[in-house]
Amino acid sequence: MVKSKIMLYSKSAEYAIQAMIYLAEYKSDKPVMTSKISHEYDIPHQFLAKIVQTLVKHRLLKATRGRTGGINLCRNAKDIYLHQIVDAIDGPPHEEERCAIGLDLCSDDVPCPIHHTWKPIKRSIRSMLSHENLEELAHRVTEKRNKMRQ
């Protein structure tokens, strides 16, 4: 059976969210090695290292060098929202609407065949990303893991 996956954002953004959830769950002042996160989530280490650099540049993570180095969240997990992570990795949403089926520009004036269906879905996704904070998300991930262990 073939698995279908709807992409709301890039694989890089997905990995960034996973790494930040790990840090939010970890809740420590001690830095976490990226190798530990890449192993835990099966993310290629060099790929995660590049993602981390971007997150540091956008002040979502702080990096500490040295033997006891690693990464930490820059601020409290409740103050970090998913859209901030996705925007840091994928860039902010385009001013002009992109066509969901890959045609050229798509707008209310010149809609593609699915424009009127896709537009409210896209708006809803953006709203969800803007209202989901990392602390609550990490809490729900922890609850899910606990249920799976039972």
N, C-alpha and C. Protein backbone atom coordinates (compact mmCIF):
# COMPACT_ATOMS: atom_id res chain seq x y z
N MET A 1 0.84 -1.18 0.00
CA MET A 1 0.00 0.00 0.00
C MET A 1 0.89 1.25 0.00
N VAL A 2 0.59 2.20 -0.83
CA VAL A 2 1.34 3.44 -0.94
C VAL A 2 0.80 4.45 0.06
N LYS A 3 1.72 5.05 0.83
CA LYS A 3 1.30 6.08 1.77
C LYS A 3 1.29 7.43 1.06
N SER A 4 0.24 8.18 1.28
CA SER A 4 0.15 9.52 0.72
C SER A 4 0.41 10.51 1.84
N LYS A 5 1.17 11.55 1.56
CA LYS A 5 1.49 12.53 2.59
C LYS A 5 1.24 13.92 2.03
N ILE A 6 0.40 14.67 2.72
CA ILE A 6 0.13 16.05 2.33
C ILE A 6 1.23 16.92 2.93
N MET A 7 1.86 17.72 2.10
CA MET A 7 2.94 18.59 2.57
C MET A 7 2.38 19.97 2.87
N LEU A 8 2.40 20.33 4.14
CA LEU A 8 2.00 21.66 4.55
C LEU A 8 3.20 22.60 4.53
N TYR A 9 4.36 22.01 4.68
CA TYR A 9 5.62 22.75 4.69
C TYR A 9 6.72 21.78 4.31
N SER A 10 7.92 22.28 4.18
CA SER A 10 9.03 21.45 3.70
C SER A 10 9.46 20.40 4.71
N LYS A 11 10.22 19.44 4.25
CA LYS A 11 10.82 18.42 5.12
C LYS A 11 11.76 19.09 6.13
N SER A 12 12.45 20.13 5.69
CA SER A 12 13.34 20.87 6.60
C SER A 12 12.55 21.48 7.76
N ALA A 13 11.39 22.07 7.45
CA ALA A 13 10.55 22.65 8.49
C ALA A 13 10.02 21.56 9.42
N GLU A 14 9.68 20.42 8.86
CA GLU A 14 9.22 19.29 9.68
C GLU A 14 10.31 18.87 10.66
N TYR A 15 11.54 18.74 10.18
CA TYR A 15 12.66 18.38 11.05
C TYR A 15 12.91 19.46 12.11
N ALA A 16 12.79 20.72 11.72
CA ALA A 16 12.98 21.82 12.66
C ALA A 16 11.94 21.74 13.78
N ILE A 17 10.70 21.49 13.43
CA ILE A 17 9.64 21.35 14.43
C ILE A 17 9.93 20.17 15.35
N GLN A 18 10.36 19.05 14.79
CA GLN A 18 10.66 17.88 15.61
C GLN A 18 11.80 18.17 16.59
N ALA A 19 12.85 18.84 16.13
CA ALA A 19 13.97 19.16 17.00
C ALA A 19 13.54 20.10 18.12
N MET A 20 12.71 21.06 17.78
CA MET A 20 12.27 22.02 18.80
C MET A 20 11.29 21.38 19.78
N ILE A 21 10.48 20.44 19.32
CA ILE A 21 9.62 19.69 20.24
C ILE A 21 10.49 18.91 21.22
N TYR A 22 11.54 18.29 20.70
CA TYR A 22 12.46 17.54 21.56
C TYR A 22 13.00 18.44 22.67
N LEU A 23 13.45 19.63 22.29
CA LEU A 23 14.00 20.57 23.28
C LEU A 23 12.93 21.04 24.27
N ALA A 24 11.71 21.24 23.80
CA ALA A 24 10.63 21.65 24.68
C ALA A 24 10.27 20.54 25.66
N GLU A 25 10.35 19.30 25.20
CA GLU A 25 10.08 18.16 26.09
C GLU A 25 11.23 17.97 27.09
N TYR A 26 12.44 18.19 26.65
CA TYR A 26 13.64 17.96 27.44
C TYR A 26 13.70 18.89 28.66
N LYS A 27 13.28 20.13 28.48
CA LYS A 27 13.17 21.13 29.56
C LYS A 27 14.40 21.17 30.46
N SER A 28 15.54 21.45 29.88
CA SER A 28 16.76 21.53 30.67
C SER A 28 17.53 22.79 30.31
N ASP A 29 18.27 23.28 31.27
CA ASP A 29 19.14 24.42 31.01
C ASP A 29 20.42 23.97 30.32
N LYS A 30 20.70 22.67 30.40
CA LYS A 30 21.90 22.14 29.76
C LYS A 30 21.64 22.00 28.26
N PRO A 31 22.61 22.39 27.45
CA PRO A 31 22.45 22.23 25.99
C PRO A 31 22.35 20.77 25.59
N VAL A 32 21.61 20.51 24.53
CA VAL A 32 21.42 19.16 23.99
C VAL A 32 22.22 19.06 22.70
N MET A 33 22.94 17.96 22.55
CA MET A 33 23.71 17.74 21.32
C MET A 33 22.75 17.46 20.15
N THR A 34 23.04 18.05 19.00
CA THR A 34 22.19 17.80 17.83
C THR A 34 22.23 16.33 17.42
N SER A 35 23.34 15.65 17.69
CA SER A 35 23.44 14.24 17.34
C SER A 35 22.41 13.41 18.11
N LYS A 36 22.12 13.81 19.33
CA LYS A 36 21.12 13.10 20.13
C LYS A 36 19.72 13.27 19.51
N ILE A 37 19.42 14.48 19.08
CA ILE A 37 18.12 14.75 18.45
C ILE A 37 18.02 14.04 17.11
N SER A 38 19.09 14.10 16.32
CA SER A 38 19.06 13.45 15.00
C SER A 38 18.88 11.94 15.16
N HIS A 39 19.48 11.37 16.19
CA HIS A 39 19.31 9.93 16.44
C HIS A 39 17.88 9.63 16.89
N GLU A 40 17.37 10.42 17.80
CA GLU A 40 16.02 10.20 18.36
C GLU A 40 14.93 10.27 17.28
N TYR A 41 15.06 11.22 16.35
CA TYR A 41 14.03 11.42 15.32
C TYR A 41 14.44 10.88 13.95
N ASP A 42 15.61 10.21 13.89
CA ASP A 42 16.10 9.64 12.63
C ASP A 42 16.21 10.71 11.54
N ILE A 43 16.86 11.82 11.91
CA ILE A 43 17.11 12.94 11.00
C ILE A 43 18.59 12.89 10.62
N PRO A 44 18.93 12.97 9.35
CA PRO A 44 20.35 13.01 8.99
C PRO A 44 21.06 14.14 9.74
N HIS A 45 22.17 13.80 10.40
CA HIS A 45 22.83 14.75 11.29
C HIS A 45 23.27 16.04 10.60
N GLN A 46 23.90 15.91 9.43
CA GLN A 46 24.37 17.12 8.74
C GLN A 46 23.19 18.00 8.31
N PHE A 47 22.09 17.38 7.92
CA PHE A 47 20.88 18.11 7.54
C PHE A 47 20.35 18.88 8.74
N LEU A 48 20.29 18.21 9.89
CA LEU A 48 19.81 18.87 11.11
C LEU A 48 20.75 20.00 11.52
N ALA A 49 22.04 19.81 11.35
CA ALA A 49 23.01 20.85 11.70
C ALA A 49 22.76 22.13 10.89
N LYS A 50 22.45 21.99 9.62
CA LYS A 50 22.14 23.17 8.79
C LYS A 50 20.83 23.82 9.22
N ILE A 51 19.84 23.01 9.56
CA ILE A 51 18.56 23.53 10.04
C ILE A 51 18.77 24.31 11.34
N VAL A 52 19.58 23.74 12.23
CA VAL A 52 19.87 24.40 13.51
C VAL A 52 20.53 25.76 13.29
N GLN A 53 21.46 25.83 12.34
CA GLN A 53 22.10 27.12 12.03
C GLN A 53 21.06 28.17 11.66
N THR A 54 20.09 27.78 10.86
CA THR A 54 19.02 28.71 10.45
C THR A 54 18.18 29.12 11.66
N LEU A 55 17.85 28.17 12.52
CA LEU A 55 17.04 28.47 13.71
C LEU A 55 17.79 29.37 14.68
N VAL A 56 19.10 29.21 14.76
CA VAL A 56 19.93 30.09 15.60
C VAL A 56 19.92 31.50 15.01
N LYS A 57 20.08 31.58 13.70
CA LYS A 57 20.08 32.88 13.02
C LYS A 57 18.76 33.62 13.24
N HIS A 58 17.65 32.89 13.32
CA HIS A 58 16.34 33.50 13.54
C HIS A 58 15.98 33.62 15.03
N ARG A 59 16.97 33.36 15.87
CA ARG A 59 16.83 33.51 17.33
C ARG A 59 15.72 32.65 17.93
N LEU A 60 15.57 31.46 17.40
CA LEU A 60 14.66 30.48 17.99
C LEU A 60 15.44 29.49 18.85
N LEU A 61 16.71 29.28 18.49
CA LEU A 61 17.61 28.43 19.25
C LEU A 61 18.88 29.20 19.58
N LYS A 62 19.54 28.77 20.65
CA LYS A 62 20.88 29.27 20.93
C LYS A 62 21.82 28.08 20.94
N ALA A 63 23.00 28.30 20.42
CA ALA A 63 23.99 27.23 20.32
C ALA A 63 25.17 27.55 21.23
N THR A 64 25.66 26.50 21.89
CA THR A 64 26.82 26.62 22.76
C THR A 64 27.89 25.69 22.22
N ARG A 65 29.08 26.23 22.01
CA ARG A 65 30.18 25.42 21.47
C ARG A 65 30.94 24.73 22.61
N GLY A 66 31.72 23.75 22.23
CA GLY A 66 32.60 23.10 23.20
C GLY A 66 32.11 21.72 23.60
N ARG A 67 32.89 21.14 24.52
CA ARG A 67 32.61 19.77 24.96
C ARG A 67 31.23 19.60 25.58
N THR A 68 30.79 20.59 26.31
CA THR A 68 29.47 20.52 26.95
C THR A 68 28.45 21.33 26.17
N GLY A 69 28.75 21.57 24.91
CA GLY A 69 27.89 22.40 24.07
C GLY A 69 26.70 21.66 23.51
N GLY A 70 25.92 22.41 22.76
CA GLY A 70 24.73 21.87 22.15
C GLY A 70 23.77 23.01 21.86
N ILE A 71 22.48 22.70 21.86
CA ILE A 71 21.48 23.73 21.57
C ILE A 71 20.40 23.75 22.64
N ASN A 72 19.81 24.92 22.80
CA ASN A 72 18.67 25.15 23.70
C ASN A 72 17.69 26.07 22.98
N LEU A 73 16.45 26.07 23.48
CA LEU A 73 15.50 27.06 23.00
C LEU A 73 15.96 28.44 23.46
N CYS A 74 15.75 29.45 22.64
CA CYS A 74 16.13 30.82 22.99
C CYS A 74 15.18 31.45 24.00
N ARG A 75 13.95 31.00 23.99
CA ARG A 75 12.97 31.54 24.93
C ARG A 75 12.03 30.42 25.36
N ASN A 76 11.14 30.74 26.24
CA ASN A 76 10.21 29.77 26.76
C ASN A 76 9.40 29.14 25.62
N ALA A 77 9.16 27.84 25.70
CA ALA A 77 8.44 27.11 24.65
C ALA A 77 7.03 27.66 24.43
N LYS A 78 6.42 28.20 25.46
CA LYS A 78 5.05 28.74 25.29
C LYS A 78 5.04 30.01 24.45
N ASP A 79 6.21 30.61 24.24
CA ASP A 79 6.32 31.84 23.46
C ASP A 79 6.82 31.60 22.03
N ILE A 80 6.95 30.34 21.65
CA ILE A 80 7.38 30.00 20.30
C ILE A 80 6.20 29.30 19.60
N TYR A 81 5.81 29.83 18.44
CA TYR A 81 4.68 29.30 17.70
C TYR A 81 5.16 28.62 16.42
N LEU A 82 4.39 27.65 15.96
CA LEU A 82 4.80 26.87 14.79
C LEU A 82 5.06 27.72 13.56
N HIS A 83 4.27 28.77 13.35
CA HIS A 83 4.49 29.59 12.15
C HIS A 83 5.87 30.26 12.19
N GLN A 84 6.40 30.54 13.39
CA GLN A 84 7.72 31.14 13.49
C GLN A 84 8.80 30.15 13.03
N ILE A 85 8.62 28.90 13.37
CA ILE A 85 9.58 27.86 12.96
C ILE A 85 9.50 27.64 11.45
N VAL A 86 8.28 27.48 10.94
CA VAL A 86 8.09 27.24 9.51
C VAL A 86 8.60 28.44 8.71
N ASP A 87 8.29 29.66 9.15
CA ASP A 87 8.74 30.86 8.43
C ASP A 87 10.27 30.98 8.45
N ALA A 88 10.90 30.59 9.57
CA ALA A 88 12.35 30.66 9.65
C ALA A 88 13.00 29.73 8.64
N ILE A 89 12.42 28.57 8.44
CA ILE A 89 13.00 27.57 7.55
C ILE A 89 12.55 27.77 6.10
N ASP A 90 11.25 27.94 5.88
CA ASP A 90 10.70 28.02 4.52
C ASP A 90 10.53 29.44 4.02
N GLY A 91 10.70 30.42 4.89
CA GLY A 91 10.46 31.80 4.53
C GLY A 91 9.00 32.16 4.78
N PRO A 92 8.73 33.44 4.88
CA PRO A 92 7.34 33.86 5.12
C PRO A 92 6.46 33.51 3.92
N PRO A 93 5.14 33.45 4.14
CA PRO A 93 4.26 33.12 3.02
C PRO A 93 4.38 34.15 1.90
N HIS A 94 4.19 33.68 0.69
CA HIS A 94 4.28 34.57 -0.47
C HIS A 94 3.12 35.56 -0.48
N GLU A 95 3.43 36.77 -0.87
CA GLU A 95 2.39 37.80 -1.00
C GLU A 95 1.37 37.37 -2.05
N GLU A 96 1.87 36.85 -3.15
CA GLU A 96 0.97 36.41 -4.21
C GLU A 96 0.61 34.94 -3.96
N GLU A 97 -0.59 34.59 -4.27
CA GLU A 97 -1.06 33.23 -4.04
C GLU A 97 -0.45 32.28 -5.05
N ARG A 98 0.07 31.18 -4.55
CA ARG A 98 0.61 30.14 -5.41
C ARG A 98 -0.49 29.15 -5.73
N CYS A 99 -0.45 28.62 -6.89
CA CYS A 99 -1.46 27.65 -7.31
C CYS A 99 -1.19 26.31 -6.63
N ALA A 100 -2.22 25.72 -6.05
CA ALA A 100 -2.09 24.45 -5.34
C ALA A 100 -1.81 23.27 -6.27
N ILE A 101 -2.12 23.41 -7.55
CA ILE A 101 -1.87 22.30 -8.48
C ILE A 101 -0.73 22.60 -9.45
N GLY A 102 0.04 23.66 -9.13
CA GLY A 102 1.26 23.93 -9.88
C GLY A 102 1.12 24.76 -11.13
N LEU A 103 -0.05 25.34 -11.33
CA LEU A 103 -0.19 26.25 -12.47
C LEU A 103 0.46 27.58 -12.09
N ASP A 104 0.40 28.56 -12.97
CA ASP A 104 1.01 29.84 -12.65
C ASP A 104 0.21 30.55 -11.54
N LEU A 105 0.37 31.83 -11.40
CA LEU A 105 -0.29 32.59 -10.36
C LEU A 105 -1.78 32.29 -10.29
N CYS A 106 -2.29 32.33 -9.10
CA CYS A 106 -3.69 31.99 -8.86
C CYS A 106 -4.28 33.07 -7.96
N SER A 107 -5.39 33.64 -8.33
CA SER A 107 -6.01 34.70 -7.53
C SER A 107 -7.52 34.60 -7.62
N ASP A 108 -8.19 35.45 -6.85
CA ASP A 108 -9.66 35.48 -6.91
C ASP A 108 -10.12 35.90 -8.31
N ASP A 109 -9.35 36.80 -8.94
CA ASP A 109 -9.71 37.28 -10.28
C ASP A 109 -9.46 36.24 -11.37
N VAL A 110 -8.36 35.49 -11.21
CA VAL A 110 -8.00 34.47 -12.19
C VAL A 110 -7.73 33.16 -11.43
N PRO A 111 -8.77 32.48 -11.00
CA PRO A 111 -8.59 31.30 -10.16
C PRO A 111 -8.23 30.04 -10.95
N CYS A 112 -7.47 29.17 -10.30
CA CYS A 112 -7.23 27.85 -10.87
C CYS A 112 -8.46 26.99 -10.56
N PRO A 113 -8.52 25.78 -11.07
CA PRO A 113 -9.71 24.95 -10.87
C PRO A 113 -10.07 24.65 -9.41
N ILE A 114 -9.08 24.67 -8.49
CA ILE A 114 -9.40 24.38 -7.09
C ILE A 114 -9.20 25.58 -6.16
N HIS A 115 -8.99 26.75 -6.71
CA HIS A 115 -8.68 27.95 -5.93
C HIS A 115 -9.69 28.20 -4.81
N HIS A 116 -10.96 28.18 -5.12
CA HIS A 116 -11.97 28.53 -4.12
C HIS A 116 -12.11 27.48 -3.03
N THR A 117 -11.68 26.28 -3.29
CA THR A 117 -11.66 25.24 -2.27
C THR A 117 -10.39 25.33 -1.43
N TRP A 118 -9.26 25.57 -2.09
CA TRP A 118 -7.96 25.58 -1.43
C TRP A 118 -7.74 26.83 -0.58
N LYS A 119 -8.22 27.98 -1.00
CA LYS A 119 -7.97 29.23 -0.30
C LYS A 119 -8.39 29.19 1.18
N PRO A 120 -9.60 28.74 1.54
CA PRO A 120 -9.95 28.69 2.96
C PRO A 120 -9.16 27.63 3.73
N ILE A 121 -8.77 26.56 3.06
CA ILE A 121 -7.96 25.53 3.71
C ILE A 121 -6.59 26.12 4.05
N LYS A 122 -6.01 26.82 3.09
CA LYS A 122 -4.70 27.44 3.29
C LYS A 122 -4.75 28.46 4.43
N ARG A 123 -5.80 29.25 4.46
CA ARG A 123 -5.99 30.25 5.52
C ARG A 123 -6.12 29.55 6.88
N SER A 124 -6.83 28.45 6.91
CA SER A 124 -7.03 27.69 8.15
C SER A 124 -5.72 27.09 8.65
N ILE A 125 -4.91 26.58 7.74
CA ILE A 125 -3.61 26.02 8.10
C ILE A 125 -2.73 27.11 8.70
N ARG A 126 -2.70 28.26 8.06
CA ARG A 126 -1.88 29.37 8.56
C ARG A 126 -2.34 29.79 9.96
N SER A 127 -3.63 29.83 10.16
CA SER A 127 -4.18 30.18 11.47
C SER A 127 -3.77 29.15 12.52
N MET A 128 -3.86 27.88 12.17
CA MET A 128 -3.46 26.82 13.10
C MET A 128 -1.99 26.96 13.47
N LEU A 129 -1.13 27.18 12.49
CA LEU A 129 0.30 27.34 12.77
C LEU A 129 0.57 28.55 13.67
N SER A 130 -0.25 29.58 13.54
CA SER A 130 -0.07 30.81 14.33
C SER A 130 -0.58 30.68 15.76
N HIS A 131 -1.41 29.67 16.02
CA HIS A 131 -1.99 29.52 17.35
C HIS A 131 -1.42 28.35 18.15
N GLU A 132 -0.62 27.51 17.53
CA GLU A 132 -0.03 26.36 18.21
C GLU A 132 1.33 26.72 18.78
N ASN A 133 1.45 26.73 20.12
CA ASN A 133 2.76 27.02 20.70
C ASN A 133 3.50 25.72 21.00
N LEU A 134 4.79 25.84 21.10
CA LEU A 134 5.67 24.68 21.25
C LEU A 134 5.44 23.96 22.57
N GLU A 135 5.16 24.67 23.64
CA GLU A 135 4.95 24.05 24.94
C GLU A 135 3.75 23.11 24.90
N GLU A 136 2.62 23.58 24.38
CA GLU A 136 1.41 22.76 24.31
C GLU A 136 1.62 21.59 23.36
N LEU A 137 2.27 21.83 22.26
CA LEU A 137 2.54 20.77 21.30
C LEU A 137 3.41 19.68 21.93
N ALA A 138 4.47 20.08 22.63
CA ALA A 138 5.36 19.11 23.29
C ALA A 138 4.59 18.31 24.35
N HIS A 139 3.70 18.98 25.06
CA HIS A 139 2.87 18.30 26.07
C HIS A 139 2.01 17.22 25.41
N ARG A 140 1.40 17.55 24.28
CA ARG A 140 0.54 16.58 23.58
C ARG A 140 1.36 15.43 22.99
N VAL A 141 2.58 15.72 22.55
CA VAL A 141 3.46 14.66 22.04
C VAL A 141 3.82 13.71 23.18
N THR A 142 4.12 14.25 24.35
CA THR A 142 4.44 13.43 25.52
C THR A 142 3.24 12.56 25.90
N GLU A 143 2.05 13.14 25.90
CA GLU A 143 0.84 12.37 26.22
C GLU A 143 0.64 11.23 25.22
N LYS A 144 0.88 11.51 23.95
CA LYS A 144 0.73 10.47 22.92
C LYS A 144 1.71 9.34 23.16
N ARG A 145 2.96 9.67 23.46
CA ARG A 145 3.97 8.63 23.72
C ARG A 145 3.56 7.78 24.91
N ASN A 146 3.06 8.43 25.96
CA ASN A 146 2.64 7.69 27.15
C ASN A 146 1.49 6.74 26.83
N LYS A 147 0.55 7.16 26.01
CA LYS A 147 -0.57 6.30 25.62
C LYS A 147 -0.09 5.11 24.80
N MET A 148 0.90 5.36 23.94
CA MET A 148 1.41 4.29 23.08
C MET A 148 2.15 3.24 23.91
N ARG A 149 2.73 3.63 25.03
CA ARG A 149 3.48 2.70 25.89
C ARG A 149 2.56 1.81 26.72
N GLN A 150 1.31 2.23 26.88
CA GLN A 150 0.38 1.50 27.73
C GLN A 150 -0.09 0.22 27.08
